[in-house]
Amino acid sequence: NANSRVFYVEADVSFESLTIQDGNDSYGAGIYNNGGTLNVTNCTISSNNASSFGGGIKNTGTLNVINSTFSSNTAASIGGGILNYVFITKVV
């Protein structure tokens, strides 16, 4: 409903074949990965809006993105699609 973040992650999580959209928060509007291992496979991350940074994903853990689409995500400062603070092991 574009009133809050969609997912907040602090553990090892895998998302597959999901559409994550219309999140709205100051950071990590679609997904905020706070230290876990996040696997995103065959997903669409779209139309998420961060008033600061990390519109689609804010990552402070390990991030693996495979065969996924990022579109129309925005951030007022930096990282419209992905804001990465730590380690991305794979983007395919």
PDB file of N, CA and C in Angstrom:
ATOM      1  N   ASN A   1       0.813  -1.210   0.000  1.00  0.00           N
ATOM      2  CA  ASN A   1       0.000   0.000   0.000  1.00  0.00           C
ATOM      3  C   ASN A   1       0.852   1.268   0.000  1.00  0.00           C
ATOM      4  N   ALA A   2       2.137   1.136  -0.228  1.00  0.00           N
ATOM      5  CA  ALA A   2       3.077   2.258  -0.302  1.00  0.00           C
ATOM      6  C   ALA A   2       3.159   3.060   0.983  1.00  0.00           C
ATOM      7  N   ASN A   3       2.848   2.423   2.124  1.00  0.00           N
ATOM      8  CA  ASN A   3       2.945   3.113   3.415  1.00  0.00           C
ATOM      9  C   ASN A   3       4.072   2.607   4.295  1.00  0.00           C
ATOM     10  N   SER A   4       4.746   1.523   3.893  1.00  0.00           N
ATOM     11  CA  SER A   4       5.807   0.972   4.728  1.00  0.00           C
ATOM     12  C   SER A   4       6.764   0.138   3.883  1.00  0.00           C
ATOM     13  N   ARG A   5       7.856  -0.271   4.500  1.00  0.00           N
ATOM     14  CA  ARG A   5       8.808  -1.186   3.868  1.00  0.00           C
ATOM     15  C   ARG A   5       8.108  -2.523   3.640  1.00  0.00           C
ATOM     16  N   VAL A   6       8.518  -3.253   2.598  1.00  0.00           N
ATOM     17  CA  VAL A   6       7.894  -4.541   2.306  1.00  0.00           C
ATOM     18  C   VAL A   6       8.486  -5.642   3.188  1.00  0.00           C
ATOM     19  N   PHE A   7       9.846  -5.788   3.210  1.00  0.00           N
ATOM     20  CA  PHE A   7      10.484  -6.824   4.018  1.00  0.00           C
ATOM     21  C   PHE A   7      11.662  -6.261   4.796  1.00  0.00           C
ATOM     22  N   TYR A   8      11.788  -6.694   6.056  1.00  0.00           N
ATOM     23  CA  TYR A   8      12.953  -6.424   6.892  1.00  0.00           C
ATOM     24  C   TYR A   8      13.551  -7.779   7.247  1.00  0.00           C
ATOM     25  N   VAL A   9      14.840  -8.002   6.899  1.00  0.00           N
ATOM     26  CA  VAL A   9      15.487  -9.306   7.041  1.00  0.00           C
ATOM     27  C   VAL A   9      16.679  -9.186   7.976  1.00  0.00           C
ATOM     28  N   GLU A  10      16.779 -10.105   8.961  1.00  0.00           N
ATOM     29  CA  GLU A  10      17.943 -10.174   9.845  1.00  0.00           C
ATOM     30  C   GLU A  10      18.535 -11.582   9.910  1.00  0.00           C
ATOM     31  N   ALA A  11      18.085 -12.473   9.058  1.00  0.00           N
ATOM     32  CA  ALA A  11      18.547 -13.861   9.057  1.00  0.00           C
ATOM     33  C   ALA A  11      18.827 -14.270   7.611  1.00  0.00           C
ATOM     34  N   ASP A  12      19.121 -15.522   7.397  1.00  0.00           N
ATOM     35  CA  ASP A  12      19.329 -16.028   6.043  1.00  0.00           C
ATOM     36  C   ASP A  12      17.966 -16.302   5.407  1.00  0.00           C
ATOM     37  N   VAL A  13      17.686 -15.620   4.284  1.00  0.00           N
ATOM     38  CA  VAL A  13      16.375 -15.694   3.638  1.00  0.00           C
ATOM     39  C   VAL A  13      16.562 -15.801   2.134  1.00  0.00           C
ATOM     40  N   SER A  14      15.685 -16.582   1.495  1.00  0.00           N
ATOM     41  CA  SER A  14      15.665 -16.677   0.038  1.00  0.00           C
ATOM     42  C   SER A  14      14.284 -16.287  -0.466  1.00  0.00           C
ATOM     43  N   PHE A  15      14.267 -15.393  -1.457  1.00  0.00           N
ATOM     44  CA  PHE A  15      13.037 -15.018  -2.145  1.00  0.00           C
ATOM     45  C   PHE A  15      13.156 -15.532  -3.570  1.00  0.00           C
ATOM     46  N   GLU A  16      12.125 -16.224  -4.037  1.00  0.00           N
ATOM     47  CA  GLU A  16      12.142 -16.741  -5.396  1.00  0.00           C
ATOM     48  C   GLU A  16      10.785 -16.508  -6.052  1.00  0.00           C
ATOM     49  N   SER A  17      10.831 -15.969  -7.272  1.00  0.00           N
ATOM     50  CA  SER A  17       9.643 -15.745  -8.096  1.00  0.00           C
ATOM     51  C   SER A  17       8.610 -14.853  -7.405  1.00  0.00           C
ATOM     52  N   LEU A  18       9.082 -13.782  -6.780  1.00  0.00           N
ATOM     53  CA  LEU A  18       8.201 -12.816  -6.132  1.00  0.00           C
ATOM     54  C   LEU A  18       8.285 -11.470  -6.836  1.00  0.00           C
ATOM     55  N   THR A  19       7.215 -10.693  -6.719  1.00  0.00           N
ATOM     56  CA  THR A  19       7.250  -9.282  -7.073  1.00  0.00           C
ATOM     57  C   THR A  19       7.182  -8.501  -5.774  1.00  0.00           C
ATOM     58  N   ILE A  20       8.181  -7.671  -5.540  1.00  0.00           N
ATOM     59  CA  ILE A  20       8.258  -6.851  -4.328  1.00  0.00           C
ATOM     60  C   ILE A  20       8.148  -5.412  -4.785  1.00  0.00           C
ATOM     61  N   GLN A  21       7.016  -4.785  -4.482  1.00  0.00           N
ATOM     62  CA  GLN A  21       6.765  -3.458  -5.040  1.00  0.00           C
ATOM     63  C   GLN A  21       5.999  -2.567  -4.073  1.00  0.00           C
ATOM     64  N   ASP A  22       6.074  -1.268  -4.365  1.00  0.00           N
ATOM     65  CA  ASP A  22       5.318  -0.228  -3.672  1.00  0.00           C
ATOM     66  C   ASP A  22       5.698  -0.048  -2.209  1.00  0.00           C
ATOM     67  N   GLY A  23       6.931  -0.441  -1.839  1.00  0.00           N
ATOM     68  CA  GLY A  23       7.398  -0.163  -0.493  1.00  0.00           C
ATOM     69  C   GLY A  23       7.755   1.310  -0.355  1.00  0.00           C
ATOM     70  N   ASN A  24       7.634   1.833   0.842  1.00  0.00           N
ATOM     71  CA  ASN A  24       7.935   3.238   1.101  1.00  0.00           C
ATOM     72  C   ASN A  24       8.500   3.364   2.507  1.00  0.00           C
ATOM     73  N   ASP A  25       9.747   3.819   2.608  1.00  0.00           N
ATOM     74  CA  ASP A  25      10.401   3.988   3.906  1.00  0.00           C
ATOM     75  C   ASP A  25      11.564   4.939   3.713  1.00  0.00           C
ATOM     76  N   SER A  26      12.220   5.291   4.786  1.00  0.00           N
ATOM     77  CA  SER A  26      13.373   6.185   4.642  1.00  0.00           C
ATOM     78  C   SER A  26      14.557   5.475   4.002  1.00  0.00           C
ATOM     79  N   TYR A  27      14.687   4.150   4.205  1.00  0.00           N
ATOM     80  CA  TYR A  27      15.755   3.363   3.587  1.00  0.00           C
ATOM     81  C   TYR A  27      15.306   1.916   3.478  1.00  0.00           C
ATOM     82  N   GLY A  28      15.798   1.234   2.435  1.00  0.00           N
ATOM     83  CA  GLY A  28      15.432  -0.165   2.226  1.00  0.00           C
ATOM     84  C   GLY A  28      13.940  -0.353   2.052  1.00  0.00           C
ATOM     85  N   ALA A  29      13.339   0.409   1.162  1.00  0.00           N
ATOM     86  CA  ALA A  29      11.876   0.397   1.031  1.00  0.00           C
ATOM     87  C   ALA A  29      11.327  -0.940   0.547  1.00  0.00           C
ATOM     88  N   GLY A  30      12.010  -1.589  -0.386  1.00  0.00           N
ATOM     89  CA  GLY A  30      11.579  -2.921  -0.830  1.00  0.00           C
ATOM     90  C   GLY A  30      12.018  -3.989   0.152  1.00  0.00           C
ATOM     91  N   ILE A  31      13.336  -4.080   0.349  1.00  0.00           N
ATOM     92  CA  ILE A  31      13.917  -5.034   1.302  1.00  0.00           C
ATOM     93  C   ILE A  31      15.068  -4.352   2.033  1.00  0.00           C
ATOM     94  N   TYR A  32      15.089  -4.446   3.339  1.00  0.00           N
ATOM     95  CA  TYR A  32      16.247  -4.024   4.131  1.00  0.00           C
ATOM     96  C   TYR A  32      16.865  -5.288   4.708  1.00  0.00           C
ATOM     97  N   ASN A  33      18.039  -5.673   4.203  1.00  0.00           N
ATOM     98  CA  ASN A  33      18.773  -6.831   4.706  1.00  0.00           C
ATOM     99  C   ASN A  33      19.777  -6.347   5.737  1.00  0.00           C
ATOM    100  N   ASN A  34      19.492  -6.591   7.002  1.00  0.00           N
ATOM    101  CA  ASN A  34      20.320  -6.103   8.096  1.00  0.00           C
ATOM    102  C   ASN A  34      21.193  -7.222   8.650  1.00  0.00           C
ATOM    103  N   GLY A  35      22.158  -7.673   7.849  1.00  0.00           N
ATOM    104  CA  GLY A  35      23.172  -8.590   8.344  1.00  0.00           C
ATOM    105  C   GLY A  35      23.005 -10.049   7.989  1.00  0.00           C
ATOM    106  N   GLY A  36      21.895 -10.425   7.372  1.00  0.00           N
ATOM    107  CA  GLY A  36      21.709 -11.824   6.993  1.00  0.00           C
ATOM    108  C   GLY A  36      22.263 -12.096   5.608  1.00  0.00           C
ATOM    109  N   THR A  37      22.015 -13.307   5.129  1.00  0.00           N
ATOM    110  CA  THR A  37      22.306 -13.641   3.740  1.00  0.00           C
ATOM    111  C   THR A  37      20.982 -13.636   2.996  1.00  0.00           C
ATOM    112  N   LEU A  38      20.889 -12.767   1.999  1.00  0.00           N
ATOM    113  CA  LEU A  38      19.665 -12.607   1.224  1.00  0.00           C
ATOM    114  C   LEU A  38      19.892 -13.106  -0.187  1.00  0.00           C
ATOM    115  N   ASN A  39      19.083 -14.076  -0.610  1.00  0.00           N
ATOM    116  CA  ASN A  39      19.115 -14.612  -1.965  1.00  0.00           C
ATOM    117  C   ASN A  39      17.844 -14.176  -2.683  1.00  0.00           C
ATOM    118  N   VAL A  40      17.999 -13.492  -3.802  1.00  0.00           N
ATOM    119  CA  VAL A  40      16.871 -13.002  -4.594  1.00  0.00           C
ATOM    120  C   VAL A  40      16.996 -13.640  -5.978  1.00  0.00           C
ATOM    121  N   THR A  41      16.053 -14.529  -6.317  1.00  0.00           N
ATOM    122  CA  THR A  41      16.125 -15.281  -7.568  1.00  0.00           C
ATOM    123  C   THR A  41      14.807 -15.166  -8.327  1.00  0.00           C
ATOM    124  N   ASN A  42      14.894 -14.791  -9.599  1.00  0.00           N
ATOM    125  CA  ASN A  42      13.720 -14.674 -10.468  1.00  0.00           C
ATOM    126  C   ASN A  42      12.658 -13.747  -9.881  1.00  0.00           C
ATOM    127  N   CYS A  43      13.083 -12.662  -9.286  1.00  0.00           N
ATOM    128  CA  CYS A  43      12.163 -11.707  -8.660  1.00  0.00           C
ATOM    129  C   CYS A  43      12.109 -10.402  -9.446  1.00  0.00           C
ATOM    130  N   THR A  44      11.054  -9.657  -9.214  1.00  0.00           N
ATOM    131  CA  THR A  44      10.936  -8.300  -9.731  1.00  0.00           C
ATOM    132  C   THR A  44      10.842  -7.361  -8.537  1.00  0.00           C
ATOM    133  N   ILE A  45      11.764  -6.410  -8.479  1.00  0.00           N
ATOM    134  CA  ILE A  45      11.789  -5.393  -7.426  1.00  0.00           C
ATOM    135  C   ILE A  45      11.444  -4.081  -8.117  1.00  0.00           C
ATOM    136  N   SER A  46      10.258  -3.540  -7.844  1.00  0.00           N
ATOM    137  CA  SER A  46       9.840  -2.367  -8.613  1.00  0.00           C
ATOM    138  C   SER A  46       9.005  -1.388  -7.803  1.00  0.00           C
ATOM    139  N   SER A  47       9.137  -0.119  -8.195  1.00  0.00           N
ATOM    140  CA  SER A  47       8.311   0.977  -7.673  1.00  0.00           C
ATOM    141  C   SER A  47       8.391   1.134  -6.161  1.00  0.00           C
ATOM    142  N   ASN A  48       9.580   0.907  -5.595  1.00  0.00           N
ATOM    143  CA  ASN A  48       9.811   1.140  -4.173  1.00  0.00           C
ATOM    144  C   ASN A  48      10.475   2.497  -4.013  1.00  0.00           C
ATOM    145  N   ASN A  49      10.110   3.241  -2.967  1.00  0.00           N
ATOM    146  CA  ASN A  49      10.594   4.605  -2.797  1.00  0.00           C
ATOM    147  C   ASN A  49      11.186   4.816  -1.407  1.00  0.00           C
ATOM    148  N   ALA A  50      12.472   5.184  -1.383  1.00  0.00           N
ATOM    149  CA  ALA A  50      13.140   5.508  -0.124  1.00  0.00           C
ATOM    150  C   ALA A  50      13.370   7.018  -0.055  1.00  0.00           C
ATOM    151  N   SER A  51      12.978   7.615   1.046  1.00  0.00           N
ATOM    152  CA  SER A  51      13.175   9.056   1.194  1.00  0.00           C
ATOM    153  C   SER A  51      14.635   9.408   1.456  1.00  0.00           C
ATOM    154  N   SER A  52      15.473   8.415   1.779  1.00  0.00           N
ATOM    155  CA  SER A  52      16.914   8.635   1.941  1.00  0.00           C
ATOM    156  C   SER A  52      17.703   7.784   0.956  1.00  0.00           C
ATOM    157  N   PHE A  53      17.826   6.468   1.217  1.00  0.00           N
ATOM    158  CA  PHE A  53      18.671   5.628   0.370  1.00  0.00           C
ATOM    159  C   PHE A  53      18.206   4.174   0.351  1.00  0.00           C
ATOM    160  N   GLY A  54      18.587   3.467  -0.726  1.00  0.00           N
ATOM    161  CA  GLY A  54      18.242   2.057  -0.864  1.00  0.00           C
ATOM    162  C   GLY A  54      16.789   1.820  -1.221  1.00  0.00           C
ATOM    163  N   GLY A  55      16.346   2.341  -2.336  1.00  0.00           N
ATOM    164  CA  GLY A  55      14.949   2.190  -2.734  1.00  0.00           C
ATOM    165  C   GLY A  55      14.511   0.745  -2.890  1.00  0.00           C
ATOM    166  N   GLY A  56      15.192  -0.009  -3.741  1.00  0.00           N
ATOM    167  CA  GLY A  56      14.836  -1.424  -3.950  1.00  0.00           C
ATOM    168  C   GLY A  56      15.319  -2.300  -2.817  1.00  0.00           C
ATOM    169  N   ILE A  57      16.637  -2.296  -2.577  1.00  0.00           N
ATOM    170  CA  ILE A  57      17.246  -3.077  -1.499  1.00  0.00           C
ATOM    171  C   ILE A  57      18.324  -2.255  -0.818  1.00  0.00           C
ATOM    172  N   LYS A  58      18.322  -2.251   0.517  1.00  0.00           N
ATOM    173  CA  LYS A  58      19.471  -1.775   1.294  1.00  0.00           C
ATOM    174  C   LYS A  58      20.093  -3.028   1.908  1.00  0.00           C
ATOM    175  N   ASN A  59      21.381  -3.260   1.605  1.00  0.00           N
ATOM    176  CA  ASN A  59      22.062  -4.468   2.049  1.00  0.00           C
ATOM    177  C   ASN A  59      23.205  -4.152   2.992  1.00  0.00           C
ATOM    178  N   THR A  60      23.165  -4.754   4.195  1.00  0.00           N
ATOM    179  CA  THR A  60      24.302  -4.688   5.105  1.00  0.00           C
ATOM    180  C   THR A  60      24.754  -6.091   5.496  1.00  0.00           C
ATOM    181  N   GLY A  61      24.384  -7.066   4.671  1.00  0.00           N
ATOM    182  CA  GLY A  61      24.784  -8.456   4.885  1.00  0.00           C
ATOM    183  C   GLY A  61      25.402  -8.999   3.615  1.00  0.00           C
ATOM    184  N   THR A  62      25.041 -10.218   3.252  1.00  0.00           N
ATOM    185  CA  THR A  62      25.482 -10.834   2.006  1.00  0.00           C
ATOM    186  C   THR A  62      24.284 -10.900   1.071  1.00  0.00           C
ATOM    187  N   LEU A  63      24.490 -10.478  -0.170  1.00  0.00           N
ATOM    188  CA  LEU A  63      23.401 -10.404  -1.132  1.00  0.00           C
ATOM    189  C   LEU A  63      23.765 -11.164  -2.397  1.00  0.00           C
ATOM    190  N   ASN A  64      22.871 -12.063  -2.821  1.00  0.00           N
ATOM    191  CA  ASN A  64      22.996 -12.780  -4.082  1.00  0.00           C
ATOM    192  C   ASN A  64      21.747 -12.479  -4.906  1.00  0.00           C
ATOM    193  N   VAL A  65      21.932 -11.901  -6.092  1.00  0.00           N
ATOM    194  CA  VAL A  65      20.816 -11.580  -6.979  1.00  0.00           C
ATOM    195  C   VAL A  65      21.002 -12.369  -8.270  1.00  0.00           C
ATOM    196  N   ILE A  66      20.010 -13.196  -8.615  1.00  0.00           N
ATOM    197  CA  ILE A  66      20.102 -14.041  -9.795  1.00  0.00           C
ATOM    198  C   ILE A  66      18.844 -13.866 -10.637  1.00  0.00           C
ATOM    199  N   ASN A  67      19.041 -13.506 -11.903  1.00  0.00           N
ATOM    200  CA  ASN A  67      17.963 -13.426 -12.878  1.00  0.00           C
ATOM    201  C   ASN A  67      16.765 -12.620 -12.370  1.00  0.00           C
ATOM    202  N   SER A  68      17.025 -11.445 -11.817  1.00  0.00           N
ATOM    203  CA  SER A  68      15.974 -10.602 -11.262  1.00  0.00           C
ATOM    204  C   SER A  68      15.975  -9.238 -11.930  1.00  0.00           C
ATOM    205  N   THR A  69      14.819  -8.579 -11.893  1.00  0.00           N
ATOM    206  CA  THR A  69      14.641  -7.296 -12.543  1.00  0.00           C
ATOM    207  C   THR A  69      14.407  -6.206 -11.506  1.00  0.00           C
ATOM    208  N   PHE A  70      15.119  -5.087 -11.656  1.00  0.00           N
ATOM    209  CA  PHE A  70      14.918  -3.901 -10.830  1.00  0.00           C
ATOM    210  C   PHE A  70      14.418  -2.795 -11.743  1.00  0.00           C
ATOM    211  N   SER A  71      13.271  -2.189 -11.393  1.00  0.00           N
ATOM    212  CA  SER A  71      12.751  -1.108 -12.227  1.00  0.00           C
ATOM    213  C   SER A  71      11.968  -0.103 -11.386  1.00  0.00           C
ATOM    214  N   SER A  72      12.134   1.160 -11.744  1.00  0.00           N
ATOM    215  CA  SER A  72      11.365   2.269 -11.161  1.00  0.00           C
ATOM    216  C   SER A  72      11.491   2.383  -9.648  1.00  0.00           C
ATOM    217  N   ASN A  73      12.624   1.951  -9.084  1.00  0.00           N
ATOM    218  CA  ASN A  73      12.891   2.167  -7.660  1.00  0.00           C
ATOM    219  C   ASN A  73      13.602   3.507  -7.514  1.00  0.00           C
ATOM    220  N   THR A  74      13.303   4.243  -6.456  1.00  0.00           N
ATOM    221  CA  THR A  74      13.911   5.557  -6.272  1.00  0.00           C
ATOM    222  C   THR A  74      14.435   5.723  -4.852  1.00  0.00           C
ATOM    223  N   ALA A  75      15.429   6.586  -4.736  1.00  0.00           N
ATOM    224  CA  ALA A  75      15.969   6.981  -3.438  1.00  0.00           C
ATOM    225  C   ALA A  75      16.371   8.447  -3.539  1.00  0.00           C
ATOM    226  N   ALA A  76      16.045   9.225  -2.537  1.00  0.00           N
ATOM    227  CA  ALA A  76      16.337  10.656  -2.572  1.00  0.00           C
ATOM    228  C   ALA A  76      17.841  10.930  -2.585  1.00  0.00           C
ATOM    229  N   SER A  77      18.628  10.090  -1.909  1.00  0.00           N
ATOM    230  CA  SER A  77      20.078  10.311  -1.852  1.00  0.00           C
ATOM    231  C   SER A  77      20.820   9.391  -2.818  1.00  0.00           C
ATOM    232  N   ILE A  78      21.015   8.132  -2.430  1.00  0.00           N
ATOM    233  CA  ILE A  78      21.769   7.191  -3.260  1.00  0.00           C
ATOM    234  C   ILE A  78      21.132   5.803  -3.221  1.00  0.00           C
ATOM    235  N   GLY A  79      21.439   4.993  -4.231  1.00  0.00           N
ATOM    236  CA  GLY A  79      21.013   3.598  -4.243  1.00  0.00           C
ATOM    237  C   GLY A  79      19.560   3.394  -4.589  1.00  0.00           C
ATOM    238  N   GLY A  80      19.115   3.914  -5.729  1.00  0.00           N
ATOM    239  CA  GLY A  80      17.729   3.705  -6.143  1.00  0.00           C
ATOM    240  C   GLY A  80      17.380   2.234  -6.261  1.00  0.00           C
ATOM    241  N   GLY A  81      18.223   1.446  -6.924  1.00  0.00           N
ATOM    242  CA  GLY A  81      17.985   0.005  -7.073  1.00  0.00           C
ATOM    243  C   GLY A  81      18.512  -0.779  -5.888  1.00  0.00           C
ATOM    244  N   ILE A  82      19.840  -0.696  -5.659  1.00  0.00           N
ATOM    245  CA  ILE A  82      20.490  -1.394  -4.545  1.00  0.00           C
ATOM    246  C   ILE A  82      21.487  -0.455  -3.893  1.00  0.00           C
ATOM    247  N   LEU A  83      21.438  -0.367  -2.574  1.00  0.00           N
ATOM    248  CA  LEU A  83      22.489   0.288  -1.809  1.00  0.00           C
ATOM    249  C   LEU A  83      23.193  -0.809  -1.030  1.00  0.00           C
ATOM    250  N   ASN A  84      24.465  -1.041  -1.346  1.00  0.00           N
ATOM    251  CA  ASN A  84      25.224  -2.131  -0.757  1.00  0.00           C
ATOM    252  C   ASN A  84      26.294  -1.596   0.172  1.00  0.00           C
ATOM    253  N   TYR A  85      26.249  -2.007   1.438  1.00  0.00           N
ATOM    254  CA  TYR A  85      27.251  -1.595   2.408  1.00  0.00           C
ATOM    255  C   TYR A  85      28.285  -2.671   2.704  1.00  0.00           C
ATOM    256  N   VAL A  86      28.017  -3.916   2.302  1.00  0.00           N
ATOM    257  CA  VAL A  86      28.934  -4.984   2.704  1.00  0.00           C
ATOM    258  C   VAL A  86      29.401  -5.771   1.491  1.00  0.00           C
ATOM    259  N   PHE A  87      28.765  -6.858   1.176  1.00  0.00           N
ATOM    260  CA  PHE A  87      29.328  -7.804   0.232  1.00  0.00           C
ATOM    261  C   PHE A  87      28.245  -8.395  -0.654  1.00  0.00           C
ATOM    262  N   ILE A  88      28.371  -8.215  -1.952  1.00  0.00           N
ATOM    263  CA  ILE A  88      27.517  -8.907  -2.911  1.00  0.00           C
ATOM    264  C   ILE A  88      28.348 -10.041  -3.477  1.00  0.00           C
ATOM    265  N   THR A  89      27.883 -11.272  -3.311  1.00  0.00           N
ATOM    266  CA  THR A  89      28.661 -12.400  -3.823  1.00  0.00           C
ATOM    267  C   THR A  89      28.327 -12.707  -5.267  1.00  0.00           C
ATOM    268  N   LYS A  90      27.075 -12.443  -5.687  1.00  0.00           N
ATOM    269  CA  LYS A  90      26.731 -12.796  -7.054  1.00  0.00           C
ATOM    270  C   LYS A  90      25.574 -11.932  -7.547  1.00  0.00           C
ATOM    271  N   VAL A  91      25.765 -11.348  -8.713  1.00  0.00           N
ATOM    272  CA  VAL A  91      24.676 -10.700  -9.433  1.00  0.00           C
ATOM    273  C   VAL A  91      24.719 -11.256 -10.845  1.00  0.00           C
ATOM    274  N   VAL A  92      23.667 -11.953 -11.230  1.00  0.00           N
ATOM    275  CA  VAL A  92      23.620 -12.579 -12.550  1.00  0.00           C
ATOM    276  C   VAL A  92      22.369 -12.114 -13.265  1.00  0.00           C
TER     277      VAL A  92
END
